PDB file of N, CA and C in Angstrom:
ATOM      1  N   MET A   1       0.804  -1.111   0.022  1.00  0.00           N
ATOM      2  CA  MET A   1       0.012   0.018   0.051  1.00  0.00           C
ATOM      3  C   MET A   1       0.912   1.291  -0.035  1.00  0.00           C
ATOM      4  N   ALA A   2       0.577   2.255  -0.852  1.00  0.00           N
ATOM      5  CA  ALA A   2       1.340   3.428  -0.924  1.00  0.00           C
ATOM      6  C   ALA A   2       1.206   4.286   0.354  1.00  0.00           C
ATOM      7  N   LYS A   3       2.350   5.004   0.604  1.00  0.00           N
ATOM      8  CA  LYS A   3       2.320   5.895   1.816  1.00  0.00           C
ATOM      9  C   LYS A   3       1.620   7.152   1.567  1.00  0.00           C
ATOM     10  N   SER A   4       0.944   7.629   2.500  1.00  0.00           N
ATOM     11  CA  SER A   4       0.288   9.060   2.369  1.00  0.00           C
ATOM     12  C   SER A   4       1.339  10.124   2.473  1.00  0.00           C
ATOM     13  N   GLY A   5       0.968  11.341   1.953  1.00  0.00           N
ATOM     14  CA  GLY A   5       1.963  12.463   1.878  1.00  0.00           C
ATOM     15  C   GLY A   5       2.343  12.753   3.361  1.00  0.00           C
ATOM     16  N   GLN A   6       1.567  12.573   4.300  1.00  0.00           N
ATOM     17  CA  GLN A   6       1.876  12.840   5.711  1.00  0.00           C
ATOM     18  C   GLN A   6       2.982  11.859   6.211  1.00  0.00           C
ATOM     19  N   GLU A   7       2.741  10.587   5.869  1.00  0.00           N
ATOM     20  CA  GLU A   7       3.764   9.581   6.257  1.00  0.00           C
ATOM     21  C   GLU A   7       5.064   9.882   5.556  1.00  0.00           C
ATOM     22  N   ARG A   8       5.210  10.228   4.356  1.00  0.00           N
ATOM     23  CA  ARG A   8       6.352  10.514   3.674  1.00  0.00           C
ATOM     24  C   ARG A   8       7.138  11.679   4.302  1.00  0.00           C
ATOM     25  N   SER A   9       6.278  12.755   4.677  1.00  0.00           N
ATOM     26  CA  SER A   9       6.828  13.919   5.299  1.00  0.00           C
ATOM     27  C   SER A   9       7.427  13.507   6.650  1.00  0.00           C
ATOM     28  N   ALA A  10       6.705  12.691   7.410  1.00  0.00           N
ATOM     29  CA  ALA A  10       7.243  12.322   8.658  1.00  0.00           C
ATOM     30  C   ALA A  10       8.549  11.617   8.688  1.00  0.00           C
ATOM     31  N   LYS A  11       8.626  10.703   7.595  1.00  0.00           N
ATOM     32  CA  LYS A  11       9.925   9.898   7.397  1.00  0.00           C
ATOM     33  C   LYS A  11      10.986  10.898   6.917  1.00  0.00           C
ATOM     34  N   ALA A  12      10.755  11.833   6.120  1.00  0.00           N
ATOM     35  CA  ALA A  12      11.703  12.731   5.630  1.00  0.00           C
ATOM     36  C   ALA A  12      12.192  13.665   6.906  1.00  0.00           C
ATOM     37  N   ALA A  13      11.255  13.922   7.725  1.00  0.00           N
ATOM     38  CA  ALA A  13      11.690  14.809   8.891  1.00  0.00           C
ATOM     39  C   ALA A  13      12.599  13.950   9.831  1.00  0.00           C
ATOM     40  N   GLU A  14      12.267  12.760   9.937  1.00  0.00           N
ATOM     41  CA  GLU A  14      13.034  11.807  10.819  1.00  0.00           C
ATOM     42  C   GLU A  14      14.539  11.814  10.253  1.00  0.00           C
ATOM     43  N   LYS A  15      14.699  11.548   8.949  1.00  0.00           N
ATOM     44  CA  LYS A  15      15.926  11.505   8.279  1.00  0.00           C
ATOM     45  C   LYS A  15      16.688  12.810   8.407  1.00  0.00           C
ATOM     46  N   ARG A  16      16.052  13.903   8.258  1.00  0.00           N
ATOM     47  CA  ARG A  16      16.743  15.204   8.612  1.00  0.00           C
ATOM     48  C   ARG A  16      17.294  15.335   9.957  1.00  0.00           C
ATOM     49  N   ILE A  17      16.598  14.797  10.983  1.00  0.00           N
ATOM     50  CA  ILE A  17      17.004  14.806  12.300  1.00  0.00           C
ATOM     51  C   ILE A  17      18.268  13.723  12.436  1.00  0.00           C
ATOM     52  N   GLU A  18      18.038  12.650  11.947  1.00  0.00           N
ATOM     53  CA  GLU A  18      19.083  11.518  11.907  1.00  0.00           C
ATOM     54  C   GLU A  18      20.448  12.080  11.402  1.00  0.00           C
ATOM     55  N   TYR A  19      20.395  12.646  10.306  1.00  0.00           N
ATOM     56  CA  TYR A  19      21.651  13.097   9.605  1.00  0.00           C
ATOM     57  C   TYR A  19      22.104  14.620   9.892  1.00  0.00           C
ATOM     58  N   ASP A  20      21.335  15.115  10.979  1.00  0.00           N
ATOM     59  CA  ASP A  20      21.602  16.471  11.354  1.00  0.00           C
ATOM     60  C   ASP A  20      21.720  17.507  10.206  1.00  0.00           C
ATOM     61  N   GLU A  21      20.780  17.344   9.325  1.00  0.00           N
ATOM     62  CA  GLU A  21      20.642  18.304   8.230  1.00  0.00           C
ATOM     63  C   GLU A  21      20.255  19.742   8.643  1.00  0.00           C
ATOM     64  N   LYS A  22      20.919  20.715   8.051  1.00  0.00           N
ATOM     65  CA  LYS A  22      20.563  22.011   8.339  1.00  0.00           C
ATOM     66  C   LYS A  22      20.194  22.751   6.973  1.00  0.00           C
ATOM     67  N   GLU A  23      19.105  23.557   7.022  1.00  0.00           N
ATOM     68  CA  GLU A  23      18.802  24.247   5.812  1.00  0.00           C
ATOM     69  C   GLU A  23      19.616  25.518   5.624  1.00  0.00           C
ATOM     70  N   LEU A  24      20.212  25.727   4.492  1.00  0.00           N
ATOM     71  CA  LEU A  24      20.985  27.054   4.269  1.00  0.00           C
ATOM     72  C   LEU A  24      20.109  27.934   3.267  1.00  0.00           C
ATOM     73  N   ARG A  25      20.039  29.045   3.846  1.00  0.00           N
ATOM     74  CA  ARG A  25      19.302  30.122   2.969  1.00  0.00           C
ATOM     75  C   ARG A  25      20.288  31.261   2.794  1.00  0.00           C
ATOM     76  N   HIS A  26      20.285  31.761   1.488  1.00  0.00           N
ATOM     77  CA  HIS A  26      21.202  32.738   1.244  1.00  0.00           C
ATOM     78  C   HIS A  26      20.601  33.527   0.090  1.00  0.00           C
ATOM     79  N   ARG A  27      20.676  34.823   0.289  1.00  0.00           N
ATOM     80  CA  ARG A  27      20.127  35.748  -0.742  1.00  0.00           C
ATOM     81  C   ARG A  27      21.386  36.337  -1.552  1.00  0.00           C
ATOM     82  N   VAL A  28      21.276  36.220  -2.860  1.00  0.00           N
ATOM     83  CA  VAL A  28      22.303  36.715  -3.700  1.00  0.00           C
ATOM     84  C   VAL A  28      21.742  37.857  -4.700  1.00  0.00           C
ATOM     85  N   ARG A  29      22.753  38.742  -5.230  1.00  0.00           N
ATOM     86  CA  ARG A  29      22.259  39.599  -6.252  1.00  0.00           C
ATOM     87  C   ARG A  29      22.330  38.912  -7.606  1.00  0.00           C
ATOM     88  N   LEU A  30      21.819  39.746  -8.572  1.00  0.00           N
ATOM     89  CA  LEU A  30      21.773  39.161  -9.895  1.00  0.00           C
ATOM     90  C   LEU A  30      23.032  38.695 -10.439  1.00  0.00           C
ATOM     91  N   GLY A  31      24.140  39.380 -10.281  1.00  0.00           N
ATOM     92  CA  GLY A  31      25.484  38.947 -10.891  1.00  0.00           C
ATOM     93  C   GLY A  31      25.952  37.622 -10.307  1.00  0.00           C
ATOM     94  N   THR A  32      25.720  37.532  -8.951  1.00  0.00           N
ATOM     95  CA  THR A  32      26.265  36.265  -8.382  1.00  0.00           C
ATOM     96  C   THR A  32      25.340  35.073  -8.846  1.00  0.00           C
ATOM     97  N   ARG A  33      24.085  35.298  -8.924  1.00  0.00           N
ATOM     98  CA  ARG A  33      23.157  34.342  -9.366  1.00  0.00           C
ATOM     99  C   ARG A  33      23.529  33.853 -10.863  1.00  0.00           C
ATOM    100  N   GLN A  34      23.809  34.779 -11.667  1.00  0.00           N
ATOM    101  CA  GLN A  34      24.095  34.587 -13.004  1.00  0.00           C
ATOM    102  C   GLN A  34      25.415  33.725 -13.120  1.00  0.00           C
ATOM    103  N   LYS A  35      26.420  33.977 -12.233  1.00  0.00           N
ATOM    104  CA  LYS A  35      27.578  33.174 -12.178  1.00  0.00           C
ATOM    105  C   LYS A  35      27.287  31.785 -11.754  1.00  0.00           C
ATOM    106  N   LEU A  36      26.435  31.596 -10.757  1.00  0.00           N
ATOM    107  CA  LEU A  36      25.994  30.249 -10.289  1.00  0.00           C
ATOM    108  C   LEU A  36      25.298  29.515 -11.442  1.00  0.00           C
ATOM    109  N   ASP A  37      24.327  30.238 -12.165  1.00  0.00           N
ATOM    110  CA  ASP A  37      23.684  29.599 -13.366  1.00  0.00           C
ATOM    111  C   ASP A  37      24.578  29.146 -14.365  1.00  0.00           C
ATOM    112  N   GLU A  38      25.632  29.972 -14.686  1.00  0.00           N
ATOM    113  CA  GLU A  38      26.705  29.629 -15.666  1.00  0.00           C
ATOM    114  C   GLU A  38      27.441  28.392 -15.198  1.00  0.00           C
ATOM    115  N   LEU A  39      27.892  28.364 -13.910  1.00  0.00           N
ATOM    116  CA  LEU A  39      28.616  27.205 -13.431  1.00  0.00           C
ATOM    117  C   LEU A  39      27.788  26.036 -13.461  1.00  0.00           C
ATOM    118  N   MET A  40      26.541  26.018 -13.260  1.00  0.00           N
ATOM    119  CA  MET A  40      25.521  24.859 -13.383  1.00  0.00           C
ATOM    120  C   MET A  40      25.399  24.468 -14.805  1.00  0.00           C
ATOM    121  N   ALA A  41      25.279  25.402 -15.712  1.00  0.00           N
ATOM    122  CA  ALA A  41      25.266  25.020 -17.160  1.00  0.00           C
ATOM    123  C   ALA A  41      26.485  24.311 -17.605  1.00  0.00           C
ATOM    124  N   TRP A  42      27.601  24.946 -17.306  1.00  0.00           N
ATOM    125  CA  TRP A  42      28.841  24.324 -17.735  1.00  0.00           C
ATOM    126  C   TRP A  42      29.041  22.923 -17.329  1.00  0.00           C
ATOM    127  N   ASN A  43      28.401  22.522 -16.058  1.00  0.00           N
ATOM    128  CA  ASN A  43      28.618  21.204 -15.545  1.00  0.00           C
ATOM    129  C   ASN A  43      27.417  20.358 -15.525  1.00  0.00           C
ATOM    130  N   GLY A  44      26.433  20.789 -16.186  1.00  0.00           N
ATOM    131  CA  GLY A  44      25.227  20.057 -16.449  1.00  0.00           C
ATOM    132  C   GLY A  44      24.447  19.786 -15.064  1.00  0.00           C
ATOM    133  N   ILE A  45      24.518  20.757 -14.220  1.00  0.00           N
ATOM    134  CA  ILE A  45      23.730  20.592 -12.915  1.00  0.00           C
ATOM    135  C   ILE A  45      22.470  21.326 -12.948  1.00  0.00           C
ATOM    136  N   GLU A  46      21.241  20.866 -12.655  1.00  0.00           N
ATOM    137  CA  GLU A  46      20.047  21.345 -12.769  1.00  0.00           C
ATOM    138  C   GLU A  46      19.540  21.920 -11.305  1.00  0.00           C
ATOM    139  N   GLU A  47      20.062  21.308 -10.284  1.00  0.00           N
ATOM    140  CA  GLU A  47      19.643  21.733  -8.944  1.00  0.00           C
ATOM    141  C   GLU A  47      20.563  22.724  -8.234  1.00  0.00           C
ATOM    142  N   MET A  48      20.140  23.893  -7.827  1.00  0.00           N
ATOM    143  CA  MET A  48      20.963  24.772  -7.219  1.00  0.00           C
ATOM    144  C   MET A  48      21.599  24.243  -6.002  1.00  0.00           C
ATOM    145  N   SER A  49      20.964  23.452  -5.283  1.00  0.00           N
ATOM    146  CA  SER A  49      21.451  22.948  -3.956  1.00  0.00           C
ATOM    147  C   SER A  49      22.574  21.890  -4.228  1.00  0.00           C
ATOM    148  N   GLU A  50      22.506  21.196  -5.369  1.00  0.00           N
ATOM    149  CA  GLU A  50      23.556  20.284  -5.701  1.00  0.00           C
ATOM    150  C   GLU A  50      24.903  21.063  -6.156  1.00  0.00           C
ATOM    151  N   ALA A  51      24.616  22.254  -6.895  1.00  0.00           N
ATOM    152  CA  ALA A  51      25.783  22.999  -7.212  1.00  0.00           C
ATOM    153  C   ALA A  51      26.461  23.581  -6.070  1.00  0.00           C
ATOM    154  N   VAL A  52      25.591  24.084  -5.104  1.00  0.00           N
ATOM    155  CA  VAL A  52      26.405  24.706  -3.929  1.00  0.00           C
ATOM    156  C   VAL A  52      27.115  23.709  -3.075  1.00  0.00           C
ATOM    157  N   GLN A  53      26.424  22.486  -2.932  1.00  0.00           N
ATOM    158  CA  GLN A  53      27.016  21.474  -2.235  1.00  0.00           C
ATOM    159  C   GLN A  53      28.336  21.017  -2.832  1.00  0.00           C
ATOM    160  N   ASN A  54      28.311  20.835  -4.189  1.00  0.00           N
ATOM    161  CA  ASN A  54      29.567  20.496  -4.863  1.00  0.00           C
ATOM    162  C   ASN A  54      30.570  21.568  -4.831  1.00  0.00           C
ATOM    163  N   LEU A  55      30.271  22.778  -4.773  1.00  0.00           N
ATOM    164  CA  LEU A  55      31.239  23.917  -4.626  1.00  0.00           C
ATOM    165  C   LEU A  55      31.893  23.699  -3.312  1.00  0.00           C
ATOM    166  N   ILE A  56      31.187  23.517  -2.176  1.00  0.00           N
ATOM    167  CA  ILE A  56      31.634  23.353  -0.872  1.00  0.00           C
ATOM    168  C   ILE A  56      32.579  22.079  -0.744  1.00  0.00           C
ATOM    169  N   LEU A  57      32.136  21.028  -1.186  1.00  0.00           N
ATOM    170  CA  LEU A  57      32.914  19.805  -1.091  1.00  0.00           C
ATOM    171  C   LEU A  57      34.256  19.976  -1.980  1.00  0.00           C
ATOM    172  N   ASN A  58      34.173  20.529  -3.169  1.00  0.00           N
ATOM    173  CA  ASN A  58      35.469  20.643  -3.951  1.00  0.00           C
ATOM    174  C   ASN A  58      36.307  21.752  -3.387  1.00  0.00           C
ATOM    175  N   ALA A  59      35.830  22.837  -2.798  1.00  0.00           N
ATOM    176  CA  ALA A  59      36.721  23.721  -2.147  1.00  0.00           C
ATOM    177  C   ALA A  59      37.394  23.174  -0.935  1.00  0.00           C
ATOM    178  N   HIS A  60      36.669  22.409  -0.251  1.00  0.00           N
ATOM    179  CA  HIS A  60      37.329  21.716   1.020  1.00  0.00           C
ATOM    180  C   HIS A  60      38.301  20.744   0.536  1.00  0.00           C
ATOM    181  N   ALA A  61      38.013  20.081  -0.569  1.00  0.00           N
ATOM    182  CA  ALA A  61      38.971  19.063  -1.049  1.00  0.00           C
ATOM    183  C   ALA A  61      40.301  19.744  -1.497  1.00  0.00           C
ATOM    184  N   LEU A  62      40.360  21.001  -1.717  1.00  0.00           N
ATOM    185  CA  LEU A  62      41.597  21.672  -2.098  1.00  0.00           C
ATOM    186  C   LEU A  62      42.546  21.883  -0.845  1.00  0.00           C
ATOM    187  N   GLY A  63      41.878  21.704   0.265  1.00  0.00           N
ATOM    188  CA  GLY A  63      42.697  21.908   1.582  1.00  0.00           C
ATOM    189  C   GLY A  63      42.824  23.386   2.042  1.00  0.00           C
ATOM    190  N   PRO A  64      43.529  23.526   3.118  1.00  0.00           N
ATOM    191  CA  PRO A  64      43.461  24.904   3.745  1.00  0.00           C
ATOM    192  C   PRO A  64      44.261  25.916   2.894  1.00  0.00           C
ATOM    193  N   THR A  65      45.236  25.528   2.188  1.00  0.00           N
ATOM    194  CA  THR A  65      46.116  26.615   1.356  1.00  0.00           C
ATOM    195  C   THR A  65      45.373  26.860   0.061  1.00  0.00           C
ATOM    196  N   LEU A  66      44.974  25.927  -0.773  1.00  0.00           N
ATOM    197  CA  LEU A  66      44.382  26.153  -2.030  1.00  0.00           C
ATOM    198  C   LEU A  66      43.001  26.564  -1.958  1.00  0.00           C
ATOM    199  N   SER A  67      42.360  26.250  -0.968  1.00  0.00           N
ATOM    200  CA  SER A  67      40.892  26.618  -0.751  1.00  0.00           C
ATOM    201  C   SER A  67      40.685  28.082  -0.577  1.00  0.00           C
ATOM    202  N   PHE A  68      41.795  28.704  -0.102  1.00  0.00           N
ATOM    203  CA  PHE A  68      41.848  30.101   0.169  1.00  0.00           C
ATOM    204  C   PHE A  68      41.472  30.901  -1.102  1.00  0.00           C
ATOM    205  N   GLN A  69      42.147  30.392  -2.184  1.00  0.00           N
ATOM    206  CA  GLN A  69      41.860  31.017  -3.464  1.00  0.00           C
ATOM    207  C   GLN A  69      40.450  30.919  -3.924  1.00  0.00           C
ATOM    208  N   ALA A  70      39.899  29.767  -3.736  1.00  0.00           N
ATOM    209  CA  ALA A  70      38.402  29.511  -4.114  1.00  0.00           C
ATOM    210  C   ALA A  70      37.473  30.285  -3.219  1.00  0.00           C
ATOM    211  N   MET A  71      37.862  30.534  -1.988  1.00  0.00           N
ATOM    212  CA  MET A  71      36.923  31.221  -0.974  1.00  0.00           C
ATOM    213  C   MET A  71      37.251  32.655  -0.884  1.00  0.00           C
ATOM    214  N   GLU A  72      38.308  33.204  -1.431  1.00  0.00           N
ATOM    215  CA  GLU A  72      38.647  34.579  -1.302  1.00  0.00           C
ATOM    216  C   GLU A  72      37.493  35.562  -1.972  1.00  0.00           C
ATOM    217  N   SER A  73      37.281  36.497  -1.368  1.00  0.00           N
ATOM    218  CA  SER A  73      36.304  37.441  -1.732  1.00  0.00           C
ATOM    219  C   SER A  73      36.920  38.377  -2.766  1.00  0.00           C
ATOM    220  N   PRO A  74      36.339  38.634  -3.927  1.00  0.00           N
ATOM    221  CA  PRO A  74      36.958  39.683  -4.841  1.00  0.00           C
ATOM    222  C   PRO A  74      36.791  40.985  -4.142  1.00  0.00           C
ATOM    223  N   ARG A  75      37.831  41.859  -4.239  1.00  0.00           N
ATOM    224  CA  ARG A  75      37.784  43.108  -3.816  1.00  0.00           C
ATOM    225  C   ARG A  75      37.846  44.142  -4.959  1.00  0.00           C
ATOM    226  N   HIS A  76      37.331  45.187  -4.628  1.00  0.00           N
ATOM    227  CA  HIS A  76      37.207  46.416  -5.564  1.00  0.00           C
ATOM    228  C   HIS A  76      38.652  47.074  -5.600  1.00  0.00           C
ATOM    229  N   LYS A  77      39.154  47.334  -6.650  1.00  0.00           N
ATOM    230  CA  LYS A  77      40.486  48.092  -6.656  1.00  0.00           C
ATOM    231  C   LYS A  77      40.200  49.583  -6.800  1.00  0.00           C
ATOM    232  N   VAL A  78      40.668  50.316  -5.853  1.00  0.00           N
ATOM    233  CA  VAL A  78      40.624  51.825  -5.828  1.00  0.00           C
ATOM    234  C   VAL A  78      41.699  52.387  -6.609  1.00  0.00           C
ATOM    235  N   GLN A  79      41.304  53.101  -7.738  1.00  0.00           N
ATOM    236  CA  GLN A  79      42.405  53.767  -8.605  1.00  0.00           C
ATOM    237  C   GLN A  79      42.057  55.262  -8.579  1.00  0.00           C
ATOM    238  N   ILE A  80      43.166  55.954  -8.142  1.00  0.00           N
ATOM    239  CA  ILE A  80      42.994  57.382  -8.020  1.00  0.00           C
ATOM    240  C   ILE A  80      43.674  58.027  -9.328  1.00  0.00           C
ATOM    241  N   SER A  81      42.829  58.819 -10.011  1.00  0.00           N
ATOM    242  CA  SER A  81      43.298  59.449 -11.290  1.00  0.00           C
ATOM    243  C   SER A  81      44.400  60.503 -11.026  1.00  0.00           C
ATOM    244  N   GLU A  82      45.203  60.775 -11.940  1.00  0.00           N
ATOM    245  CA  GLU A  82      46.209  61.777 -11.813  1.00  0.00           C
ATOM    246  C   GLU A  82      45.599  63.149 -11.424  1.00  0.00           C
ATOM    247  N   ASN A  83      44.552  63.551 -12.032  1.00  0.00           N
ATOM    248  CA  ASN A  83      43.914  64.853 -11.751  1.00  0.00           C
ATOM    249  C   ASN A  83      43.479  64.884 -10.144  1.00  0.00           C
ATOM    250  N   VAL A  84      42.920  63.785  -9.668  1.00  0.00           N
ATOM    251  CA  VAL A  84      42.552  63.702  -8.245  1.00  0.00           C
ATOM    252  C   VAL A  84      43.740  63.796  -7.339  1.00  0.00           C
ATOM    253  N   ALA A  85      44.818  62.993  -7.643  1.00  0.00           N
ATOM    254  CA  ALA A  85      46.043  63.052  -6.980  1.00  0.00           C
ATOM    255  C   ALA A  85      46.614  64.356  -6.871  1.00  0.00           C
ATOM    256  N   ARG A  86      46.747  65.008  -8.055  1.00  0.00           N
ATOM    257  CA  ARG A  86      47.331  66.439  -8.180  1.00  0.00           C
ATOM    258  C   ARG A  86      46.537  67.417  -7.321  1.00  0.00           C
ATOM    259  N   MET A  87      45.242  67.413  -7.452  1.00  0.00           N
ATOM    260  CA  MET A  87      44.306  68.196  -6.616  1.00  0.00           C
ATOM    261  C   MET A  87      44.565  67.972  -5.123  1.00  0.00           C
ATOM    262  N   PHE A  88      44.666  66.785  -4.758  1.00  0.00           N
ATOM    263  CA  PHE A  88      44.872  66.380  -3.346  1.00  0.00           C
ATOM    264  C   PHE A  88      46.215  66.972  -2.772  1.00  0.00           C
ATOM    265  N   ARG A  89      47.316  66.805  -3.754  1.00  0.00           N
ATOM    266  CA  ARG A  89      48.621  67.188  -3.296  1.00  0.00           C
ATOM    267  C   ARG A  89      48.586  68.695  -3.160  1.00  0.00           C
ATOM    268  N   ASN A  90      48.014  69.416  -4.244  1.00  0.00           N
ATOM    269  CA  ASN A  90      48.111  70.890  -4.200  1.00  0.00           C
ATOM    270  C   ASN A  90      47.231  71.489  -2.906  1.00  0.00           C
ATOM    271  N   GLN A  91      46.172  70.797  -2.628  1.00  0.00           N
ATOM    272  CA  GLN A  91      45.401  71.310  -1.370  1.00  0.00           C
ATOM    273  C   GLN A  91      46.154  70.950  -0.115  1.00  0.00           C
ATOM    274  N   SER A  92      46.828  69.828  -0.129  1.00  0.00           N
ATOM    275  CA  SER A  92      47.592  69.455   1.121  1.00  0.00           C
ATOM    276  C   SER A  92      48.659  70.398   1.334  1.00  0.00           C
ATOM    277  N   LEU A  93      49.444  70.749   0.156  1.00  0.00           N
ATOM    278  CA  LEU A  93      50.517  71.750   0.480  1.00  0.00           C
ATOM    279  C   LEU A  93      49.957  73.122   0.744  1.00  0.00           C
ATOM    280  N   ALA A  94      48.953  73.450   0.127  1.00  0.00           N
ATOM    281  CA  ALA A  94      48.382  74.823   0.494  1.00  0.00           C
ATOM    282  C   ALA A  94      48.022  74.755   1.978  1.00  0.00           C
ATOM    283  N   LYS A  95      47.371  73.811   2.552  1.00  0.00           N
ATOM    284  CA  LYS A  95      47.091  73.735   3.909  1.00  0.00           C
ATOM    285  C   LYS A  95      48.327  73.743   4.803  1.00  0.00           C
ATOM    286  N   ILE A  96      49.428  73.057   4.362  1.00  0.00           N
ATOM    287  CA  ILE A  96      50.663  73.013   5.103  1.00  0.00           C
ATOM    288  C   ILE A  96      51.300  74.388   5.159  1.00  0.00           C
ATOM    289  N   HIS A  97      51.237  75.132   3.988  1.00  0.00           N
ATOM    290  CA  HIS A  97      51.698  76.499   3.934  1.00  0.00           C
ATOM    291  C   HIS A  97      50.988  77.349   4.927  1.00  0.00           C
ATOM    292  N   ARG A  98      49.582  77.241   4.902  1.00  0.00           N
ATOM    293  CA  ARG A  98      48.773  78.014   5.874  1.00  0.00           C
ATOM    294  C   ARG A  98      49.119  77.760   7.269  1.00  0.00           C
ATOM    295  N   ASP A  99      49.315  76.476   7.700  1.00  0.00           N
ATOM    296  CA  ASP A  99      49.581  76.027   8.994  1.00  0.00           C
ATOM    297  C   ASP A  99      50.912  76.166   9.531  1.00  0.00           C
ATOM    298  N   THR A 100      51.829  76.638   8.649  1.00  0.00           N
ATOM    299  CA  THR A 100      53.271  76.789   9.090  1.00  0.00           C
ATOM    300  C   THR A 100      53.502  78.072   9.821  1.00  0.00           C
ATOM    301  N   ASP A 101      53.856  77.983  11.074  1.00  0.00           N
ATOM    302  CA  ASP A 101      53.961  79.183  11.809  1.00  0.00           C
ATOM    303  C   ASP A 101      55.278  79.987  11.672  1.00  0.00           C
ATOM    304  N   GLU A 102      56.295  79.083  11.582  1.00  0.00           N
ATOM    305  CA  GLU A 102      57.648  79.659  11.543  1.00  0.00           C
ATOM    306  C   GLU A 102      58.042  79.779  10.081  1.00  0.00           C
ATOM    307  N   PRO A 103      58.560  81.109   9.767  1.00  0.00           N
ATOM    308  CA  PRO A 103      58.930  81.317   8.187  1.00  0.00           C
ATOM    309  C   PRO A 103      60.100  80.484   7.897  1.00  0.00           C
ATOM    310  N   GLU A 104      60.923  79.995   8.834  1.00  0.00           N
ATOM    311  CA  GLU A 104      62.098  79.119   8.440  1.00  0.00           C
ATOM    312  C   GLU A 104      61.678  77.643   8.360  1.00  0.00           C
ATOM    313  N   ASP A 105      60.488  77.302   8.643  1.00  0.00           N
ATOM    314  CA  ASP A 105      60.091  75.864   8.449  1.00  0.00           C
ATOM    315  C   ASP A 105      60.265  75.607   6.918  1.00  0.00           C
ATOM    316  N   GLU A 106      60.761  74.446   6.726  1.00  0.00           N
ATOM    317  CA  GLU A 106      60.993  73.968   5.340  1.00  0.00           C
ATOM    318  C   GLU A 106      59.903  73.001   4.842  1.00  0.00           C
ATOM    319  N   ILE A 107      59.384  73.147   3.761  1.00  0.00           N
ATOM    320  CA  ILE A 107      58.419  72.182   3.266  1.00  0.00           C
ATOM    321  C   ILE A 107      58.997  71.434   2.010  1.00  0.00           C
ATOM    322  N   VAL A 108      59.139  70.097   2.270  1.00  0.00           N
ATOM    323  CA  VAL A 108      59.789  69.386   1.139  1.00  0.00           C
ATOM    324  C   VAL A 108      58.737  68.600   0.333  1.00  0.00           C
ATOM    325  N   ASP A 109      58.798  68.919  -0.903  1.00  0.00           N
ATOM    326  CA  ASP A 109      57.872  68.340  -1.866  1.00  0.00           C
ATOM    327  C   ASP A 109      58.455  67.013  -2.341  1.00  0.00           C
ATOM    328  N   PRO A 110      57.798  65.883  -1.948  1.00  0.00           N
ATOM    329  CA  PRO A 110      58.426  64.599  -2.402  1.00  0.00           C
ATOM    330  C   PRO A 110      58.560  64.399  -3.869  1.00  0.00           C
ATOM    331  N   ALA A 111      57.777  65.146  -4.656  1.00  0.00           N
ATOM    332  CA  ALA A 111      57.902  65.049  -6.164  1.00  0.00           C
ATOM    333  C   ALA A 111      59.089  65.736  -6.711  1.00  0.00           C
ATOM    334  N   GLN A 112      59.565  66.705  -5.897  1.00  0.00           N
ATOM    335  CA  GLN A 112      60.796  67.564  -6.415  1.00  0.00           C
ATOM    336  C   GLN A 112      62.016  67.049  -5.751  1.00  0.00           C
ATOM    337  N   ASP A 113      61.959  66.353  -4.583  1.00  0.00           N
ATOM    338  CA  ASP A 113      63.105  65.837  -3.850  1.00  0.00           C
ATOM    339  C   ASP A 113      63.611  64.497  -4.332  1.00  0.00           C
ATOM    340  N   ALA A 114      64.874  64.416  -4.796  1.00  0.00           N
ATOM    341  CA  ALA A 114      65.387  63.144  -5.357  1.00  0.00           C
ATOM    342  C   ALA A 114      65.482  62.086  -4.201  1.00  0.00           C
ATOM    343  N   HIS A 115      65.636  62.435  -2.954  1.00  0.00           N
ATOM    344  CA  HIS A 115      65.687  61.547  -1.866  1.00  0.00           C
ATOM    345  C   HIS A 115      64.373  60.681  -1.768  1.00  0.00           C
ATOM    346  N   TYR A 116      63.303  61.128  -2.231  1.00  0.00           N
ATOM    347  CA  TYR A 116      61.974  60.347  -2.229  1.00  0.00           C
ATOM    348  C   TYR A 116      61.663  59.602  -3.408  1.00  0.00           C
ATOM    349  N   ARG A 117      62.602  59.624  -4.444  1.00  0.00           N
ATOM    350  CA  ARG A 117      62.273  58.896  -5.656  1.00  0.00           C
ATOM    351  C   ARG A 117      62.742  57.461  -5.642  1.00  0.00           C
TER     352      ARG A 117
END
């Protein structure tokens, strides 16, 4: 005789307890989701949970040293344009000139001093 839906649910709940299963929920933005979709397509995986589980198992299999590369978060690189750097330098030097109390205080411009090159 076939089991009822309630009986199947009860058995599944027992297995989750027995295997200490925990549900992972994670919200991601579109770009991250697209990357996961692409990984799944490349590897013929249809279930998102299978893909995430495989990623975790494979990253762990790399060990503590190599898994760092797989787990590392990409960081944005800050690049300051020459115009902004020049403006900052000029404003900083102007402030130093304003704040200099003693006329004999020497202000060294690193761009002009060979010692700083």
